């Protein structure tokens, strides 16, 4: 079984950067990135 984080669960409490760090730390295999909410903010500082 693979674990995936759906960012809708952290929508009002976290950023994409934090979600990615937590996924790596806790062994998630995938993340469902919210392209309309969290991705634009992330791309202002990352490529």
Protein backbone atom coordinates (compact mmCIF):
# COMPACT_ATOMS: atom_id res chain seq x y z
CA UNK A 1 0.00 0.00 0.00
CA UNK A 2 1.21 3.51 -0.86
CA UNK A 3 0.50 6.57 1.29
CA UNK A 4 -0.62 9.86 -0.25
CA UNK A 5 -1.33 13.23 1.33
CA UNK A 6 -4.23 15.19 -0.12
CA UNK A 7 -3.44 18.84 0.48
CA UNK A 8 -7.09 19.67 1.00
CA UNK A 9 -6.62 18.26 4.50
CA UNK A 10 -4.06 20.98 5.31
CA UNK A 11 -5.53 23.76 3.18
CA UNK A 12 -5.90 26.42 5.87
CA UNK A 13 -3.06 25.31 8.15
CA UNK A 14 0.01 24.72 6.01
CA UNK A 15 2.00 25.61 2.89
CA UNK A 16 3.15 23.36 0.08
CA UNK A 17 6.74 23.64 1.32
CA UNK A 18 5.75 22.46 4.79
CA UNK A 19 3.56 19.69 3.37
CA UNK A 20 6.45 18.41 1.22
CA UNK A 21 8.81 18.43 4.21
CA UNK A 22 6.30 16.56 6.37
CA UNK A 23 5.63 13.99 3.64
CA UNK A 24 9.33 13.26 3.35
CA UNK A 25 9.79 13.11 7.11
CA UNK A 26 6.86 10.76 7.69
CA UNK A 27 7.36 8.46 4.72
CA UNK A 28 4.52 9.42 2.37
CA UNK A 29 4.91 8.08 -1.16
CA UNK A 30 2.84 10.72 -2.97
CA UNK A 31 1.30 14.14 -2.48
CA UNK A 32 -1.74 15.52 -4.29
CA UNK A 33 -0.72 19.12 -4.86
CA UNK A 34 -3.44 21.75 -4.94
CA UNK A 35 -2.48 23.65 -8.08
CA UNK A 36 -4.98 26.47 -7.57
CA UNK A 37 -4.19 27.22 -3.93
CA UNK A 38 -0.70 26.22 -2.85
CA UNK A 39 1.38 25.78 -6.00
CA UNK A 40 1.44 29.44 -7.19
CA UNK A 41 2.74 30.62 -3.81
CA UNK A 42 5.40 27.88 -3.78
CA UNK A 43 6.60 28.76 -7.30
CA UNK A 44 7.33 32.37 -6.32
CA UNK A 45 10.40 31.10 -4.43
CA UNK A 46 11.09 27.64 -5.94
CA UNK A 47 11.41 26.13 -9.40
